[in-house]
C-alpha atoms as a PDB file:
ATOM      1  CA  MET A   1      26.102 -48.726  83.648  1.00  0.00           C
ATOM      2  CA  THR A   2      25.072 -46.861  80.537  1.00  0.00           C
ATOM      3  CA  PRO A   3      21.734 -47.038  78.747  1.00  0.00           C
ATOM      4  CA  VAL A   4      21.441 -50.054  76.308  1.00  0.00           C
ATOM      5  CA  ILE A   5      19.410 -49.919  73.136  1.00  0.00           C
ATOM      6  CA  ARG A   6      18.076 -53.503  73.075  1.00  0.00           C
ATOM      7  CA  GLY A   7      16.587 -53.196  69.514  1.00  0.00           C
ATOM      8  CA  THR A   8      15.129 -51.088  66.981  1.00  0.00           C
ATOM      9  CA  ARG A   9      12.098 -51.322  64.647  1.00  0.00           C
ATOM     10  CA  ILE A  10      11.869 -49.362  61.333  1.00  0.00           C
ATOM     11  CA  VAL A  11       8.235 -47.926  60.991  1.00  0.00           C
ATOM     12  CA  HIS A  12       9.109 -45.956  57.798  1.00  0.00           C
ATOM     13  CA  ASP A  13      11.952 -45.892  55.323  1.00  0.00           C
ATOM     14  CA  GLY A  14      11.909 -43.186  52.736  1.00  0.00           C
ATOM     15  CA  TRP A  15      13.698 -39.631  52.658  1.00  0.00           C
ATOM     16  CA  SER A  16      14.074 -40.125  56.211  1.00  0.00           C
ATOM     17  CA  ARG A  17      13.971 -43.288  58.195  1.00  0.00           C
ATOM     18  CA  PHE A  18      11.749 -43.504  61.427  1.00  0.00           C
ATOM     19  CA  LEU A  19      12.530 -46.096  64.035  1.00  0.00           C
ATOM     20  CA  VAL A  20      11.336 -46.973  67.553  1.00  0.00           C
ATOM     21  CA  ALA A  21      14.064 -47.908  69.745  1.00  0.00           C
ATOM     22  CA  GLU A  22      13.647 -49.999  73.029  1.00  0.00           C
ATOM     23  CA  VAL A  23      16.107 -48.524  75.734  1.00  0.00           C
ATOM     24  CA  THR A  24      16.913 -49.957  79.004  1.00  0.00           C
ATOM     25  CA  MET A  25      18.149 -47.126  81.449  1.00  0.00           C
ATOM     26  CA  PRO A  26      21.054 -47.569  83.871  1.00  0.00           C
ATOM     27  CA  ASP A  27      18.450 -48.161  86.709  1.00  0.00           C
ATOM     28  CA  GLY A  28      16.636 -50.934  84.651  1.00  0.00           C
ATOM     29  CA  THR A  29      13.597 -48.749  83.357  1.00  0.00           C
ATOM     30  CA  PRO A  30      12.665 -49.737  79.957  1.00  0.00           C
ATOM     31  CA  LEU A  31      11.720 -47.014  77.540  1.00  0.00           C
ATOM     32  CA  LYS A  32      10.586 -46.703  73.872  1.00  0.00           C
ATOM     33  CA  ARG A  33      11.774 -43.744  71.921  1.00  0.00           C
ATOM     34  CA  GLU A  34      11.030 -42.667  68.364  1.00  0.00           C
ATOM     35  CA  ILE A  35      14.074 -41.492  66.240  1.00  0.00           C
ATOM     36  CA  GLU A  36      14.053 -39.849  63.028  1.00  0.00           C
ATOM     37  CA  ASP A  37      17.255 -40.698  61.082  1.00  0.00           C
ATOM     38  CA  HIS A  38      18.267 -39.191  57.715  1.00  0.00           C
ATOM     39  CA  GLY A  39      22.034 -38.444  58.070  1.00  0.00           C
ATOM     40  CA  ARG A  40      24.408 -35.482  58.384  1.00  0.00           C
ATOM     41  CA  ALA A  41      23.487 -32.004  57.010  1.00  0.00           C
ATOM     42  CA  VAL A  42      25.348 -28.713  56.374  1.00  0.00           C
ATOM     43  CA  ALA A  43      24.450 -25.079  56.608  1.00  0.00           C
ATOM     44  CA  VAL A  44      26.076 -21.871  55.432  1.00  0.00           C
ATOM     45  CA  LEU A  45      25.754 -18.099  55.837  1.00  0.00           C
ATOM     46  CA  PRO A  46      27.437 -16.439  52.815  1.00  0.00           C
ATOM     47  CA  TYR A  47      28.178 -12.858  53.365  1.00  0.00           C
ATOM     48  CA  ASP A  48      29.956 -10.164  51.212  1.00  0.00           C
ATOM     49  CA  PRO A  49      32.390  -8.113  53.671  1.00  0.00           C
ATOM     50  CA  ASP A  50      32.783  -5.432  51.085  1.00  0.00           C
ATOM     51  CA  ARG A  51      29.146  -4.597  50.463  1.00  0.00           C
ATOM     52  CA  ARG A  52      28.105  -5.685  54.027  1.00  0.00           C
ATOM     53  CA  VAL A  53      25.238  -7.971  52.757  1.00  0.00           C
ATOM     54  CA  ALA A  54      24.383 -11.540  53.567  1.00  0.00           C
ATOM     55  CA  LEU A  55      22.829 -14.096  51.159  1.00  0.00           C
ATOM     56  CA  LEU A  56      19.673 -15.904  52.391  1.00  0.00           C
ATOM     57  CA  VAL A  57      17.213 -18.091  50.475  1.00  0.00           C
ATOM     58  CA  GLU A  58      13.316 -18.158  50.909  1.00  0.00           C
ATOM     59  CA  GLN A  59      11.239 -21.193  50.076  1.00  0.00           C
ATOM     60  CA  PHE A  60       8.165 -23.304  50.868  1.00  0.00           C
ATOM     61  CA  ARG A  61       8.516 -25.720  53.907  1.00  0.00           C
ATOM     62  CA  PRO A  62       5.698 -28.135  54.143  1.00  0.00           C
ATOM     63  CA  PRO A  63       6.302 -28.942  57.844  1.00  0.00           C
ATOM     64  CA  ILE A  64       5.829 -25.189  58.875  1.00  0.00           C
ATOM     65  CA  PHE A  65       3.065 -24.813  56.533  1.00  0.00           C
ATOM     66  CA  PHE A  66       1.170 -27.725  58.134  1.00  0.00           C
ATOM     67  CA  ALA A  67       2.200 -26.569  61.688  1.00  0.00           C
ATOM     68  CA  ALA A  68       1.448 -22.920  61.336  1.00  0.00           C
ATOM     69  CA  GLY A  69       0.248 -21.817  57.919  1.00  0.00           C
ATOM     70  CA  VAL A  70       3.558 -20.164  57.232  1.00  0.00           C
ATOM     71  CA  LEU A  71       3.993 -19.972  53.308  1.00  0.00           C
ATOM     72  CA  SER A  72       7.649 -19.404  53.149  1.00  0.00           C
ATOM     73  CA  LEU A  73      10.893 -19.285  55.418  1.00  0.00           C
ATOM     74  CA  LEU A  74      13.870 -17.000  55.068  1.00  0.00           C
ATOM     75  CA  GLU A  75      16.988 -19.152  55.893  1.00  0.00           C
ATOM     76  CA  VAL A  76      20.631 -19.927  55.059  1.00  0.00           C
ATOM     77  CA  PRO A  77      21.377 -22.367  52.205  1.00  0.00           C
ATOM     78  CA  ALA A  78      21.467 -25.708  53.807  1.00  0.00           C
ATOM     79  CA  GLY A  79      20.723 -29.450  53.096  1.00  0.00           C
ATOM     80  CA  LEU A  80      21.677 -33.078  53.534  1.00  0.00           C
ATOM     81  CA  LEU A  81      25.216 -34.188  53.228  1.00  0.00           C
ATOM     82  CA  ASP A  82      25.711 -36.420  50.216  1.00  0.00           C
ATOM     83  CA  GLU A  83      29.564 -36.007  50.049  1.00  0.00           C
ATOM     84  CA  ALA A  84      32.293 -37.347  52.615  1.00  0.00           C
ATOM     85  CA  GLU A  85      33.539 -33.987  53.582  1.00  0.00           C
ATOM     86  CA  PRO A  86      31.095 -31.544  54.942  1.00  0.00           C
ATOM     87  CA  GLU A  87      32.984 -28.523  53.152  1.00  0.00           C
ATOM     88  CA  ASP A  88      32.114 -30.297  49.783  1.00  0.00           C
ATOM     89  CA  GLY A  89      28.380 -30.542  50.619  1.00  0.00           C
ATOM     90  CA  VAL A  90      28.174 -26.858  51.867  1.00  0.00           C
ATOM     91  CA  ARG A  91      29.567 -25.799  48.554  1.00  0.00           C
ATOM     92  CA  ARG A  92      27.270 -27.843  46.568  1.00  0.00           C
ATOM     93  CA  GLU A  93      24.170 -26.488  48.548  1.00  0.00           C
ATOM     94  CA  ALA A  94      25.243 -22.954  48.075  1.00  0.00           C
ATOM     95  CA  PHE A  95      25.554 -23.470  44.356  1.00  0.00           C
ATOM     96  CA  GLU A  96      22.330 -25.430  44.027  1.00  0.00           C
ATOM     97  CA  GLU A  97      20.310 -23.097  46.126  1.00  0.00           C
ATOM     98  CA  ALA A  98      21.699 -19.701  45.467  1.00  0.00           C
ATOM     99  CA  GLY A  99      24.130 -20.038  42.433  1.00  0.00           C
ATOM    100  CA  LEU A 100      27.029 -18.980  44.584  1.00  0.00           C
ATOM    101  CA  ARG A 101      30.398 -20.419  44.292  1.00  0.00           C
ATOM    102  CA  LEU A 102      32.191 -20.348  47.779  1.00  0.00           C
ATOM    103  CA  GLY A 103      35.930 -20.169  48.328  1.00  0.00           C
ATOM    104  CA  ARG A 104      36.999 -19.948  51.786  1.00  0.00           C
ATOM    105  CA  LEU A 105      34.858 -21.334  54.640  1.00  0.00           C
ATOM    106  CA  GLU A 106      34.911 -20.533  58.274  1.00  0.00           C
ATOM    107  CA  PRO A 107      33.733 -23.333  60.437  1.00  0.00           C
ATOM    108  CA  VAL A 108      31.225 -22.544  63.236  1.00  0.00           C
ATOM    109  CA  VAL A 109      30.208 -25.771  64.949  1.00  0.00           C
ATOM    110  CA  ARG A 110      29.110 -29.382  64.236  1.00  0.00           C
ATOM    111  CA  GLY A 111      26.125 -29.583  66.381  1.00  0.00           C
ATOM    112  CA  TRP A 112      22.743 -31.649  66.991  1.00  0.00           C
ATOM    113  CA  SER A 113      19.844 -29.914  65.396  1.00  0.00           C
ATOM    114  CA  MET A 114      17.161 -31.656  67.259  1.00  0.00           C
ATOM    115  CA  PRO A 115      18.767 -34.317  69.738  1.00  0.00           C
ATOM    116  CA  GLY A 116      15.332 -35.121  71.296  1.00  0.00           C
ATOM    117  CA  ILE A 117      14.114 -36.799  68.152  1.00  0.00           C
ATOM    118  CA  SER A 118      16.703 -36.836  65.252  1.00  0.00           C
ATOM    119  CA  THR A 119      20.190 -38.308  64.584  1.00  0.00           C
ATOM    120  CA  GLU A 120      20.887 -35.329  62.436  1.00  0.00           C
ATOM    121  CA  GLN A 121      24.087 -33.469  62.921  1.00  0.00           C
ATOM    122  CA  MET A 122      24.703 -30.448  61.036  1.00  0.00           C
ATOM    123  CA  ASP A 123      28.086 -28.621  60.068  1.00  0.00           C
ATOM    124  CA  PHE A 124      27.582 -24.859  60.180  1.00  0.00           C
ATOM    125  CA  TYR A 125      29.782 -22.358  58.187  1.00  0.00           C
ATOM    126  CA  LEU A 126      30.268 -18.773  57.395  1.00  0.00           C
ATOM    127  CA  ALA A 127      31.752 -17.898  54.176  1.00  0.00           C
ATOM    128  CA  PRO A 128      32.743 -14.710  52.613  1.00  0.00           C
ATOM    129  CA  TYR A 129      31.948 -14.038  48.898  1.00  0.00           C
ATOM    130  CA  GLY A 130      32.091 -11.434  46.363  1.00  0.00           C
ATOM    131  CA  GLU A 131      29.765 -10.227  43.470  1.00  0.00           C
ATOM    132  CA  ALA A 132      31.946 -12.235  41.056  1.00  0.00           C
ATOM    133  CA  ASP A 133      31.119 -15.538  42.869  1.00  0.00           C
ATOM    134  CA  ARG A 134      27.454 -15.424  41.935  1.00  0.00           C
ATOM    135  CA  SER A 135      26.131 -16.860  38.931  1.00  0.00           C
ATOM    136  CA  GLU A 136      22.482 -16.539  37.354  1.00  0.00           C
ATOM    137  CA  GLY A 137      19.895 -19.383  36.334  1.00  0.00           C
ATOM    138  CA  ASP A 138      18.464 -22.430  38.188  1.00  0.00           C
ATOM    139  CA  HIS A 139      21.055 -24.698  39.625  1.00  0.00           C
ATOM    140  CA  THR A 140      18.802 -27.083  41.312  1.00  0.00           C
ATOM    141  CA  PRO A 141      19.209 -30.730  40.206  1.00  0.00           C
ATOM    142  CA  VAL A 142      16.511 -31.877  37.842  1.00  0.00           C
ATOM    143  CA  ASP A 143      15.302 -34.604  40.274  1.00  0.00           C
ATOM    144  CA  GLU A 144      14.507 -31.988  43.025  1.00  0.00           C
ATOM    145  CA  TYR A 145      11.760 -29.468  43.201  1.00  0.00           C
ATOM    146  CA  GLU A 146      12.866 -26.397  45.093  1.00  0.00           C
ATOM    147  CA  ASP A 147      11.213 -23.127  44.174  1.00  0.00           C
ATOM    148  CA  ILE A 148      13.867 -20.836  45.848  1.00  0.00           C
ATOM    149  CA  THR A 149      14.117 -17.028  45.975  1.00  0.00           C
ATOM    150  CA  VAL A 150      17.514 -15.710  46.634  1.00  0.00           C
ATOM    151  CA  HIS A 151      17.808 -12.644  48.811  1.00  0.00           C
ATOM    152  CA  GLU A 152      20.841 -10.242  49.601  1.00  0.00           C
ATOM    153  CA  ILE A 153      20.043  -8.478  52.896  1.00  0.00           C
ATOM    154  CA  ASP A 154      21.956  -5.591  54.320  1.00  0.00           C
ATOM    155  CA  LEU A 155      23.905  -6.711  57.482  1.00  0.00           C
ATOM    156  CA  THR A 156      22.564  -4.161  59.626  1.00  0.00           C
ATOM    157  CA  ALA A 157      19.004  -4.926  58.698  1.00  0.00           C
ATOM    158  CA  LEU A 158      19.672  -8.534  59.154  1.00  0.00           C
ATOM    159  CA  ALA A 159      21.102  -7.859  62.791  1.00  0.00           C
ATOM    160  CA  ALA A 160      17.880  -5.733  63.480  1.00  0.00           C
ATOM    161  CA  MET A 161      15.807  -8.587  62.133  1.00  0.00           C
ATOM    162  CA  SER A 162      17.448 -11.094  64.437  1.00  0.00           C
ATOM    163  CA  ASP A 163      16.879  -8.685  67.435  1.00  0.00           C
ATOM    164  CA  ARG A 164      13.293  -8.250  66.645  1.00  0.00           C
ATOM    165  CA  GLY A 165      12.733 -12.054  66.528  1.00  0.00           C
ATOM    166  CA  GLU A 166      11.964 -12.055  62.854  1.00  0.00           C
ATOM    167  CA  ILE A 167      14.396 -14.694  62.070  1.00  0.00           C
ATOM    168  CA  THR A 168      12.682 -17.688  63.002  1.00  0.00           C
ATOM    169  CA  ASP A 169      14.789 -20.421  61.435  1.00  0.00           C
ATOM    170  CA  VAL A 170      17.251 -21.519  64.224  1.00  0.00           C
ATOM    171  CA  LYS A 171      20.141 -22.513  61.988  1.00  0.00           C
ATOM    172  CA  THR A 172      20.112 -19.137  60.449  1.00  0.00           C
ATOM    173  CA  LEU A 173      19.784 -17.338  63.784  1.00  0.00           C
ATOM    174  CA  LEU A 174      22.908 -19.223  65.159  1.00  0.00           C
ATOM    175  CA  LEU A 175      24.793 -18.262  61.974  1.00  0.00           C
ATOM    176  CA  VAL A 176      23.678 -14.504  62.168  1.00  0.00           C
ATOM    177  CA  PHE A 177      24.916 -14.308  65.754  1.00  0.00           C
ATOM    178  CA  ALA A 178      28.128 -16.072  64.931  1.00  0.00           C
ATOM    179  CA  LEU A 179      28.873 -13.648  62.139  1.00  0.00           C
ATOM    180  CA  ARG A 180      27.968 -10.843  64.550  1.00  0.00           C
ATOM    181  CA  LEU A 181      30.366 -12.124  67.121  1.00  0.00           C
ATOM    182  CA  ARG A 182      33.271 -13.089  64.842  1.00  0.00           C
ATOM    183  CA  HIS A 183      33.077 -10.000  62.578  1.00  0.00           C
ATOM    184  CA  PRO A 184      31.424  -7.199  64.483  1.00  0.00           C
ATOM    185  CA  ARG A 185      33.068  -4.630  62.334  1.00  0.00           C
ATOM    186  CA  LEU A 186      30.829  -5.613  59.585  1.00  0.00           C
ATOM    187  CA  PHE A 187      27.870  -4.296  61.520  1.00  0.00           C
ATOM    188  CA  GLY A 188      29.186  -1.059  62.723  1.00  0.00           C
ATOM    189  CA  ALA A 189      29.950   2.159  60.947  1.00  0.00           C
ATOM    190  CA  VAL A 190      32.562   2.184  58.178  1.00  0.00           C
END
């Protein structure tokens, strides 16, 4: 026998939807579990293999400000998937957040970001880029408020930041580790 969801009750329906699910476990035990549901998401670590830099964004995140008083977070471009294909969504996010036109994408994994509470499944990518792929200006859609600062960070410095525990966004840390594993020559001597 497998667990059975006997029903759900929506407690909030906005940008995210919050539900309470009534579950019966295989041994007959009834449980109530809260579920946050907002759909799939994408994240990308753009890196320039010639200049040996990666592009990250920094922005205010209300949840971490609420939880820890942190004013901004350094992270990879990421967001909710509005498109049918994650590749299209990750290209849109990179352009909106960083003014970056991505070509080739290197899939890393499709994973659950917070399986204990959320239905979010995220597609993670690495993406090489060059200086010609960057455009200046604000590319954020008019209906979204995002005060984003774009940073190009030397890959050796980025690796050291991850080693010191200074990269606190888990999606960013995962992608930095993936880049280090897949392209170690970018972090070593020329």
